[in-house]
């Protein structure tokens, strides 16, 4: 670096310079990785997975609610599968409220309550992931290096590096 040249590098960016020099050939490649963008992509992917799990759970609970409301045959294979797979998710809400019935049709209010509670719980989890993954960008670090060159005491080289995130 020349004297008093400033180099500003973002903490969330990493730059690699690869130089190849052979007789008659010279190549320089600069690779920049945006670590903040990579982190945001990972957080986005985690959030998509969380929402997909919630969506699957909500669909299964909704199908259960409709099957019970339509008085579907509980001995059919599909109804047995849906009731069996959703039973563990409804266990915390069992006997929370009464279940009105009319001619074999069941209005399973606990399923609707479970759907609302799980939606709220997953929303809180997504918010927590976003908060935990968010990093403030108000920090700055500066590094200065002074090199004394041989010979004249006034012959020195200063290097300043400022990093911001």
N, C-alpha and C. Protein backbone atom coordinates (compact mmCIF):
# COMPACT_ATOMS: atom_id res chain seq x y z
N UNK A 1 0.84 -1.18 0.00
CA UNK A 1 0.00 0.00 0.00
C UNK A 1 0.88 1.24 0.00
N UNK A 2 0.36 2.24 -0.60
CA UNK A 2 1.11 3.49 -0.61
C UNK A 2 0.87 4.22 0.69
N UNK A 3 1.64 5.23 0.89
CA UNK A 3 1.57 5.99 2.13
C UNK A 3 0.19 6.62 2.29
N UNK A 4 -0.37 6.49 3.50
CA UNK A 4 -1.65 7.06 3.88
C UNK A 4 -2.82 6.60 3.01
N UNK A 5 -2.73 5.44 2.43
CA UNK A 5 -3.85 4.90 1.66
C UNK A 5 -4.82 4.24 2.63
N UNK A 6 -6.12 4.48 2.44
CA UNK A 6 -7.14 3.94 3.32
C UNK A 6 -7.79 2.73 2.66
N UNK A 7 -8.01 1.71 3.46
CA UNK A 7 -8.68 0.52 3.00
C UNK A 7 -9.88 0.31 3.89
N UNK A 8 -11.08 0.34 3.32
CA UNK A 8 -12.30 0.12 4.08
C UNK A 8 -12.88 -1.22 3.68
N UNK A 9 -13.07 -2.08 4.66
CA UNK A 9 -13.58 -3.42 4.41
C UNK A 9 -14.75 -3.66 5.35
N UNK A 10 -15.85 -4.09 4.82
CA UNK A 10 -16.99 -4.43 5.65
C UNK A 10 -16.72 -5.74 6.36
N UNK A 11 -17.11 -5.82 7.62
CA UNK A 11 -16.90 -7.03 8.39
C UNK A 11 -17.71 -8.18 7.79
N UNK A 12 -18.83 -7.87 7.17
CA UNK A 12 -19.69 -8.90 6.61
C UNK A 12 -19.32 -9.28 5.19
N UNK A 13 -18.23 -8.77 4.71
CA UNK A 13 -17.76 -9.14 3.37
C UNK A 13 -16.34 -9.68 3.50
N UNK A 14 -16.09 -10.74 2.79
CA UNK A 14 -14.75 -11.32 2.76
C UNK A 14 -14.28 -11.31 1.32
N UNK A 15 -13.11 -10.75 1.11
CA UNK A 15 -12.55 -10.68 -0.24
C UNK A 15 -11.28 -11.51 -0.28
N UNK A 16 -11.19 -12.37 -1.25
CA UNK A 16 -10.00 -13.16 -1.49
C UNK A 16 -9.47 -12.81 -2.87
N UNK A 17 -8.20 -12.55 -2.96
CA UNK A 17 -7.57 -12.27 -4.24
C UNK A 17 -6.60 -13.41 -4.52
N UNK A 18 -6.81 -14.06 -5.64
CA UNK A 18 -5.96 -15.17 -6.03
C UNK A 18 -5.16 -14.72 -7.24
N UNK A 19 -3.84 -14.73 -7.13
CA UNK A 19 -2.98 -14.34 -8.23
C UNK A 19 -2.17 -15.53 -8.69
N UNK A 20 -2.14 -15.72 -10.00
CA UNK A 20 -1.35 -16.78 -10.60
C UNK A 20 -0.38 -16.13 -11.57
N UNK A 21 0.90 -16.37 -11.37
CA UNK A 21 1.89 -15.80 -12.27
C UNK A 21 2.81 -16.92 -12.75
N UNK A 22 2.79 -17.10 -14.02
CA UNK A 22 3.67 -18.07 -14.67
C UNK A 22 4.37 -17.32 -15.80
N UNK A 23 5.41 -17.88 -16.32
CA UNK A 23 6.09 -17.19 -17.44
C UNK A 23 5.13 -16.96 -18.61
N UNK A 24 4.92 -15.71 -18.94
CA UNK A 24 4.06 -15.34 -20.05
C UNK A 24 2.57 -15.31 -19.70
N UNK A 25 2.24 -15.51 -18.45
CA UNK A 25 0.83 -15.56 -18.06
C UNK A 25 0.67 -14.97 -16.67
N UNK A 26 -0.29 -14.10 -16.50
CA UNK A 26 -0.60 -13.54 -15.19
C UNK A 26 -2.11 -13.45 -15.07
N UNK A 27 -2.64 -13.87 -13.94
CA UNK A 27 -4.08 -13.86 -13.73
C UNK A 27 -4.36 -13.45 -12.30
N UNK A 28 -5.36 -12.60 -12.13
CA UNK A 28 -5.80 -12.18 -10.80
C UNK A 28 -7.31 -12.34 -10.74
N UNK A 29 -7.77 -12.99 -9.70
CA UNK A 29 -9.20 -13.19 -9.51
C UNK A 29 -9.58 -12.70 -8.13
N UNK A 30 -10.62 -11.88 -8.06
CA UNK A 30 -11.08 -11.37 -6.78
C UNK A 30 -12.44 -11.99 -6.50
N UNK A 31 -12.55 -12.65 -5.35
CA UNK A 31 -13.79 -13.31 -4.95
C UNK A 31 -14.30 -12.60 -3.71
N UNK A 32 -15.54 -12.14 -3.76
CA UNK A 32 -16.15 -11.45 -2.63
C UNK A 32 -17.32 -12.28 -2.13
N UNK A 33 -17.30 -12.59 -0.84
CA UNK A 33 -18.41 -13.30 -0.21
C UNK A 33 -19.13 -12.33 0.71
N UNK A 34 -20.43 -12.23 0.54
CA UNK A 34 -21.24 -11.39 1.41
C UNK A 34 -21.79 -12.27 2.53
N UNK A 35 -21.11 -12.26 3.66
CA UNK A 35 -21.47 -13.13 4.77
C UNK A 35 -22.83 -12.76 5.37
N UNK A 36 -23.17 -11.48 5.37
CA UNK A 36 -24.47 -11.06 5.89
C UNK A 36 -25.59 -11.61 5.03
N UNK A 37 -25.42 -11.57 3.70
CA UNK A 37 -26.43 -12.12 2.80
C UNK A 37 -26.54 -13.63 2.97
N UNK A 38 -25.41 -14.30 3.15
CA UNK A 38 -25.45 -15.75 3.37
C UNK A 38 -26.18 -16.07 4.67
N UNK A 39 -25.96 -15.28 5.70
CA UNK A 39 -26.64 -15.49 6.98
C UNK A 39 -28.14 -15.25 6.82
N UNK A 40 -28.52 -14.20 6.09
CA UNK A 40 -29.94 -13.94 5.86
C UNK A 40 -30.59 -15.07 5.07
N UNK A 41 -29.88 -15.64 4.11
CA UNK A 41 -30.41 -16.77 3.34
C UNK A 41 -30.63 -18.00 4.23
N UNK A 42 -29.68 -18.28 5.12
CA UNK A 42 -29.84 -19.41 6.04
C UNK A 42 -31.03 -19.20 6.97
N UNK A 43 -31.17 -17.98 7.50
CA UNK A 43 -32.30 -17.68 8.38
C UNK A 43 -33.60 -17.80 7.61
N UNK A 44 -33.61 -17.31 6.38
CA UNK A 44 -34.81 -17.43 5.55
C UNK A 44 -35.18 -18.88 5.29
N UNK A 45 -34.17 -19.72 5.07
CA UNK A 45 -34.43 -21.14 4.83
C UNK A 45 -34.99 -21.81 6.08
N UNK A 46 -34.44 -21.48 7.23
CA UNK A 46 -34.95 -22.03 8.50
C UNK A 46 -36.40 -21.60 8.69
N UNK A 47 -36.69 -20.34 8.42
CA UNK A 47 -38.06 -19.85 8.56
C UNK A 47 -39.01 -20.55 7.59
N UNK A 48 -38.57 -20.80 6.36
CA UNK A 48 -39.41 -21.51 5.41
C UNK A 48 -39.71 -22.93 5.88
N UNK A 49 -38.71 -23.58 6.47
CA UNK A 49 -38.93 -24.93 6.99
C UNK A 49 -39.93 -24.90 8.14
N UNK A 50 -39.80 -23.92 9.02
CA UNK A 50 -40.72 -23.80 10.16
C UNK A 50 -42.14 -23.57 9.65
N UNK A 51 -42.32 -22.67 8.69
CA UNK A 51 -43.66 -22.39 8.16
C UNK A 51 -44.22 -23.61 7.42
N UNK A 52 -43.36 -24.37 6.75
CA UNK A 52 -43.84 -25.57 6.05
C UNK A 52 -44.33 -26.61 7.05
N UNK A 53 -43.62 -26.77 8.15
CA UNK A 53 -44.06 -27.71 9.19
C UNK A 53 -45.40 -27.26 9.77
N UNK A 54 -45.53 -25.96 10.04
CA UNK A 54 -46.80 -25.45 10.54
C UNK A 54 -47.91 -25.67 9.52
N UNK A 55 -47.63 -25.41 8.26
CA UNK A 55 -48.65 -25.61 7.22
C UNK A 55 -49.12 -27.05 7.15
N UNK A 56 -48.20 -27.99 7.23
CA UNK A 56 -48.56 -29.41 7.21
C UNK A 56 -49.42 -29.75 8.43
N UNK A 57 -49.02 -29.28 9.60
CA UNK A 57 -49.78 -29.54 10.82
C UNK A 57 -51.18 -28.94 10.72
N UNK A 58 -51.29 -27.72 10.24
CA UNK A 58 -52.59 -27.07 10.11
C UNK A 58 -53.50 -27.82 9.13
N UNK A 59 -52.92 -28.29 8.02
CA UNK A 59 -53.72 -29.05 7.05
C UNK A 59 -54.23 -30.34 7.67
N UNK A 60 -53.37 -31.06 8.38
CA UNK A 60 -53.80 -32.31 9.02
C UNK A 60 -54.89 -32.06 10.06
N UNK A 61 -54.71 -31.03 10.88
CA UNK A 61 -55.73 -30.70 11.87
C UNK A 61 -57.02 -30.24 11.22
N UNK A 62 -56.92 -29.49 10.13
CA UNK A 62 -58.12 -29.06 9.40
C UNK A 62 -58.87 -30.24 8.81
N UNK A 63 -58.15 -31.20 8.26
CA UNK A 63 -58.80 -32.40 7.72
C UNK A 63 -59.48 -33.17 8.84
N UNK A 64 -58.82 -33.27 9.97
CA UNK A 64 -59.44 -33.96 11.13
C UNK A 64 -60.73 -33.26 11.52
N UNK A 65 -60.68 -31.93 11.61
CA UNK A 65 -61.87 -31.16 11.99
C UNK A 65 -63.02 -31.43 11.02
N UNK A 66 -62.72 -31.42 9.71
CA UNK A 66 -63.77 -31.64 8.71
C UNK A 66 -64.30 -33.08 8.76
N UNK A 67 -63.42 -34.05 8.95
CA UNK A 67 -63.88 -35.44 9.04
C UNK A 67 -64.81 -35.64 10.23
N UNK A 68 -64.45 -35.04 11.37
CA UNK A 68 -65.31 -35.16 12.55
C UNK A 68 -66.62 -34.41 12.35
N UNK A 69 -66.56 -33.27 11.68
CA UNK A 69 -67.77 -32.48 11.43
C UNK A 69 -68.71 -33.17 10.46
N UNK A 70 -68.15 -33.89 9.49
CA UNK A 70 -68.98 -34.60 8.49
C UNK A 70 -69.38 -35.99 8.96
N UNK A 71 -69.02 -36.36 10.18
CA UNK A 71 -69.33 -37.67 10.73
C UNK A 71 -68.78 -38.78 9.84
N UNK A 72 -67.52 -38.64 9.44
CA UNK A 72 -66.87 -39.66 8.61
C UNK A 72 -66.73 -40.95 9.40
N UNK A 73 -66.72 -42.06 8.70
CA UNK A 73 -66.59 -43.37 9.33
C UNK A 73 -65.22 -43.48 9.99
N UNK A 74 -65.15 -43.57 11.31
CA UNK A 74 -63.85 -43.61 12.00
C UNK A 74 -63.08 -44.90 11.75
N UNK A 75 -63.73 -45.90 11.17
CA UNK A 75 -63.05 -47.17 10.89
C UNK A 75 -62.42 -47.20 9.51
N UNK A 76 -62.65 -46.17 8.68
CA UNK A 76 -62.02 -46.15 7.35
C UNK A 76 -60.52 -45.89 7.52
N UNK A 77 -59.75 -46.38 6.57
CA UNK A 77 -58.30 -46.26 6.66
C UNK A 77 -57.81 -44.83 6.72
N UNK A 78 -58.39 -43.95 5.87
CA UNK A 78 -57.96 -42.56 5.83
C UNK A 78 -58.27 -41.85 7.15
N UNK A 79 -59.49 -42.05 7.65
CA UNK A 79 -59.87 -41.39 8.91
C UNK A 79 -59.00 -41.91 10.07
N UNK A 80 -58.74 -43.21 10.09
CA UNK A 80 -57.88 -43.77 11.13
C UNK A 80 -56.48 -43.17 11.07
N UNK A 81 -55.96 -43.02 9.85
CA UNK A 81 -54.63 -42.41 9.68
C UNK A 81 -54.62 -40.97 10.18
N UNK A 82 -55.59 -40.16 9.76
CA UNK A 82 -55.64 -38.75 10.17
C UNK A 82 -55.83 -38.63 11.68
N UNK A 83 -56.74 -39.41 12.24
CA UNK A 83 -56.96 -39.33 13.69
C UNK A 83 -55.72 -39.77 14.46
N UNK A 84 -55.05 -40.80 13.97
CA UNK A 84 -53.85 -41.30 14.65
C UNK A 84 -52.68 -40.33 14.60
N UNK A 85 -52.50 -39.68 13.44
CA UNK A 85 -51.36 -38.77 13.29
C UNK A 85 -51.59 -37.44 14.01
N UNK A 86 -52.84 -37.04 14.18
CA UNK A 86 -53.12 -35.76 14.83
C UNK A 86 -53.38 -35.89 16.33
N UNK A 87 -53.60 -37.10 16.80
CA UNK A 87 -53.91 -37.29 18.22
C UNK A 87 -52.83 -36.73 19.15
N UNK A 88 -51.53 -36.97 18.89
CA UNK A 88 -50.51 -36.41 19.81
C UNK A 88 -50.52 -34.88 19.86
N UNK A 89 -50.90 -34.25 18.76
CA UNK A 89 -50.92 -32.78 18.74
C UNK A 89 -52.13 -32.21 19.45
N UNK A 90 -53.18 -33.03 19.61
CA UNK A 90 -54.38 -32.57 20.31
C UNK A 90 -54.36 -32.95 21.79
N UNK A 91 -53.41 -33.79 22.19
CA UNK A 91 -53.36 -34.26 23.58
C UNK A 91 -53.34 -33.12 24.61
N UNK A 92 -52.58 -32.04 24.40
CA UNK A 92 -52.58 -30.97 25.41
C UNK A 92 -53.92 -30.24 25.53
N UNK A 93 -54.79 -30.41 24.55
CA UNK A 93 -56.04 -29.66 24.54
C UNK A 93 -57.26 -30.54 24.85
N UNK A 94 -57.02 -31.81 25.16
CA UNK A 94 -58.10 -32.74 25.45
C UNK A 94 -58.90 -32.25 26.65
N UNK A 95 -60.21 -32.27 26.54
CA UNK A 95 -61.14 -31.88 27.60
C UNK A 95 -61.01 -30.41 28.00
N UNK A 96 -60.45 -29.62 27.13
CA UNK A 96 -60.35 -28.18 27.43
C UNK A 96 -61.72 -27.54 27.39
N UNK A 97 -62.49 -27.88 26.38
CA UNK A 97 -63.87 -27.38 26.24
C UNK A 97 -64.75 -28.57 25.87
N UNK A 98 -66.03 -28.37 25.99
CA UNK A 98 -66.98 -29.41 25.63
C UNK A 98 -66.99 -29.63 24.12
N UNK A 99 -67.45 -30.82 23.72
CA UNK A 99 -67.51 -31.17 22.31
C UNK A 99 -68.96 -31.46 21.95
N UNK A 100 -69.65 -30.49 21.36
CA UNK A 100 -71.05 -30.72 21.01
C UNK A 100 -71.18 -31.71 19.84
N UNK A 101 -72.18 -32.60 19.97
CA UNK A 101 -72.45 -33.57 18.91
C UNK A 101 -73.91 -33.48 18.50
N UNK A 102 -74.15 -33.84 17.25
CA UNK A 102 -75.53 -33.87 16.73
C UNK A 102 -75.60 -34.92 15.64
N UNK A 103 -76.22 -36.04 15.93
CA UNK A 103 -76.43 -37.08 14.93
C UNK A 103 -75.14 -37.64 14.36
N UNK A 104 -74.13 -37.83 15.15
CA UNK A 104 -72.87 -38.38 14.68
C UNK A 104 -71.87 -37.31 14.27
N UNK A 105 -72.33 -36.10 14.00
CA UNK A 105 -71.42 -35.00 13.66
C UNK A 105 -70.87 -34.42 14.96
N UNK A 106 -69.58 -34.11 14.93
CA UNK A 106 -68.91 -33.60 16.12
C UNK A 106 -68.26 -32.27 15.78
N UNK A 107 -68.60 -31.25 16.57
CA UNK A 107 -67.92 -29.96 16.42
C UNK A 107 -66.76 -29.95 17.41
N UNK A 108 -65.59 -30.32 16.93
CA UNK A 108 -64.41 -30.47 17.78
C UNK A 108 -63.71 -29.12 17.93
N UNK A 109 -64.16 -28.35 18.91
CA UNK A 109 -63.60 -27.02 19.14
C UNK A 109 -62.15 -27.09 19.59
N UNK A 110 -61.76 -28.20 20.24
CA UNK A 110 -60.37 -28.32 20.68
C UNK A 110 -59.42 -28.33 19.48
N UNK A 111 -59.86 -28.86 18.35
CA UNK A 111 -59.01 -28.85 17.16
C UNK A 111 -58.79 -27.42 16.68
N UNK A 112 -59.85 -26.62 16.68
CA UNK A 112 -59.72 -25.22 16.26
C UNK A 112 -58.82 -24.44 17.23
N UNK A 113 -58.97 -24.72 18.52
CA UNK A 113 -58.11 -24.05 19.51
C UNK A 113 -56.66 -24.47 19.30
N UNK A 114 -56.43 -25.76 19.07
CA UNK A 114 -55.07 -26.25 18.84
C UNK A 114 -54.46 -25.60 17.60
N UNK A 115 -55.25 -25.45 16.55
CA UNK A 115 -54.74 -24.80 15.33
C UNK A 115 -54.30 -23.38 15.62
N UNK A 116 -55.10 -22.65 16.39
CA UNK A 116 -54.76 -21.26 16.72
C UNK A 116 -53.51 -21.20 17.61
N UNK A 117 -53.43 -22.08 18.61
CA UNK A 117 -52.29 -22.07 19.52
C UNK A 117 -51.00 -22.45 18.79
N UNK A 118 -51.06 -23.47 17.92
CA UNK A 118 -49.86 -23.86 17.18
C UNK A 118 -49.42 -22.75 16.21
N UNK A 119 -50.37 -22.08 15.60
CA UNK A 119 -50.01 -20.96 14.71
C UNK A 119 -49.30 -19.86 15.50
N UNK A 120 -49.81 -19.54 16.67
CA UNK A 120 -49.18 -18.53 17.52
C UNK A 120 -47.80 -18.98 17.97
N UNK A 121 -47.67 -20.24 18.38
CA UNK A 121 -46.39 -20.78 18.84
C UNK A 121 -45.35 -20.72 17.71
N UNK A 122 -45.71 -21.15 16.52
CA UNK A 122 -44.77 -21.14 15.41
C UNK A 122 -44.41 -19.71 15.01
N UNK A 123 -45.36 -18.79 15.10
CA UNK A 123 -45.06 -17.39 14.80
C UNK A 123 -44.01 -16.86 15.79
N UNK A 124 -44.16 -17.22 17.07
CA UNK A 124 -43.19 -16.80 18.08
C UNK A 124 -41.82 -17.40 17.79
N UNK A 125 -41.77 -18.65 17.39
CA UNK A 125 -40.50 -19.30 17.07
C UNK A 125 -39.82 -18.59 15.90
N UNK A 126 -40.59 -18.27 14.87
CA UNK A 126 -40.02 -17.57 13.70
C UNK A 126 -39.49 -16.21 14.11
N UNK A 127 -40.22 -15.49 14.93
CA UNK A 127 -39.76 -14.17 15.39
C UNK A 127 -38.47 -14.32 16.20
N UNK A 128 -38.40 -15.36 17.04
CA UNK A 128 -37.19 -15.59 17.85
C UNK A 128 -35.99 -15.90 16.95
N UNK A 129 -36.21 -16.67 15.90
CA UNK A 129 -35.12 -16.97 14.97
C UNK A 129 -34.66 -15.69 14.27
N UNK A 130 -35.60 -14.86 13.87
CA UNK A 130 -35.23 -13.60 13.22
C UNK A 130 -34.46 -12.68 14.17
N UNK A 131 -34.90 -12.61 15.40
CA UNK A 131 -34.22 -11.75 16.37
C UNK A 131 -32.83 -12.29 16.69
N UNK A 132 -32.72 -13.60 16.87
CA UNK A 132 -31.42 -14.19 17.20
C UNK A 132 -30.45 -14.07 16.03
N UNK A 133 -30.96 -14.12 14.81
CA UNK A 133 -30.08 -14.06 13.65
C UNK A 133 -29.76 -12.66 13.19
N UNK A 134 -30.48 -11.67 13.68
CA UNK A 134 -30.25 -10.29 13.28
C UNK A 134 -29.05 -9.75 14.05
N UNK A 135 -28.19 -9.07 13.35
CA UNK A 135 -27.00 -8.50 13.97
C UNK A 135 -26.97 -7.02 13.70
N UNK A 136 -26.81 -6.22 14.74
CA UNK A 136 -26.76 -4.78 14.51
C UNK A 136 -25.55 -4.40 13.65
N UNK A 137 -25.71 -3.36 12.89
CA UNK A 137 -24.65 -2.95 11.97
C UNK A 137 -24.10 -1.59 12.32
N UNK A 138 -23.93 -1.33 13.60
CA UNK A 138 -23.47 -0.01 14.02
C UNK A 138 -22.06 -0.03 14.59
N UNK A 139 -21.30 -1.08 14.33
CA UNK A 139 -19.95 -1.16 14.90
C UNK A 139 -18.91 -0.77 13.87
N UNK A 140 -17.84 -0.13 14.34
CA UNK A 140 -16.71 0.24 13.48
C UNK A 140 -15.43 -0.07 14.23
N UNK A 141 -14.50 -0.66 13.51
CA UNK A 141 -13.18 -0.94 14.10
C UNK A 141 -12.13 -0.40 13.14
N UNK A 142 -11.13 0.29 13.69
CA UNK A 142 -10.07 0.85 12.87
C UNK A 142 -8.73 0.32 13.36
N UNK A 143 -7.90 -0.08 12.41
CA UNK A 143 -6.56 -0.57 12.74
C UNK A 143 -5.56 0.26 11.96
N UNK A 144 -4.58 0.78 12.65
CA UNK A 144 -3.53 1.56 12.00
C UNK A 144 -2.19 0.88 12.23
N UNK A 145 -1.40 0.83 11.19
CA UNK A 145 -0.07 0.23 11.27
C UNK A 145 0.92 1.27 10.76
N UNK A 146 2.00 1.49 11.52
CA UNK A 146 3.05 2.41 11.09
C UNK A 146 4.33 1.60 10.97
N UNK A 147 4.92 1.61 9.80
CA UNK A 147 6.15 0.87 9.56
C UNK A 147 7.28 1.86 9.36
N UNK A 148 8.36 1.64 10.08
CA UNK A 148 9.55 2.47 9.93
C UNK A 148 10.43 1.80 8.89
N UNK A 149 10.70 2.52 7.83
CA UNK A 149 11.54 1.99 6.76
C UNK A 149 13.01 2.25 7.12
N UNK A 150 13.90 1.38 6.70
CA UNK A 150 15.31 1.58 7.02
C UNK A 150 15.84 2.87 6.38
N UNK A 151 16.80 3.44 7.06
CA UNK A 151 17.41 4.66 6.51
C UNK A 151 16.92 5.87 7.25
N UNK A 152 16.36 6.83 6.52
CA UNK A 152 15.91 8.11 7.05
C UNK A 152 14.80 7.91 8.09
N UNK A 153 14.92 8.53 9.30
CA UNK A 153 13.87 8.38 10.31
C UNK A 153 12.52 8.93 9.84
N UNK A 154 12.50 9.81 8.87
CA UNK A 154 11.24 10.35 8.35
C UNK A 154 10.62 9.45 7.30
N UNK A 155 11.31 8.39 6.92
CA UNK A 155 10.82 7.48 5.90
C UNK A 155 9.97 6.39 6.58
N UNK A 156 8.67 6.62 6.60
CA UNK A 156 7.77 5.65 7.22
C UNK A 156 6.53 5.49 6.37
N UNK A 157 5.88 4.36 6.57
CA UNK A 157 4.67 4.06 5.82
C UNK A 157 3.54 3.81 6.81
N UNK A 158 2.44 4.50 6.59
CA UNK A 158 1.26 4.35 7.45
C UNK A 158 0.17 3.60 6.70
N UNK A 159 -0.45 2.67 7.36
CA UNK A 159 -1.55 1.93 6.78
C UNK A 159 -2.74 2.02 7.73
N UNK A 160 -3.89 2.40 7.22
CA UNK A 160 -5.11 2.51 8.01
C UNK A 160 -6.13 1.54 7.44
N UNK A 161 -6.73 0.76 8.29
CA UNK A 161 -7.79 -0.15 7.88
C UNK A 161 -9.00 0.16 8.73
N UNK A 162 -10.10 0.47 8.11
CA UNK A 162 -11.35 0.74 8.82
C UNK A 162 -12.35 -0.34 8.44
N UNK A 163 -12.91 -0.98 9.45
CA UNK A 163 -13.93 -1.99 9.18
C UNK A 163 -15.23 -1.56 9.85
N UNK A 164 -16.29 -1.70 9.13
CA UNK A 164 -17.61 -1.35 9.64
C UNK A 164 -18.53 -2.55 9.48
N UNK A 165 -19.39 -2.70 10.44
CA UNK A 165 -20.40 -3.76 10.32
C UNK A 165 -21.72 -3.24 10.83
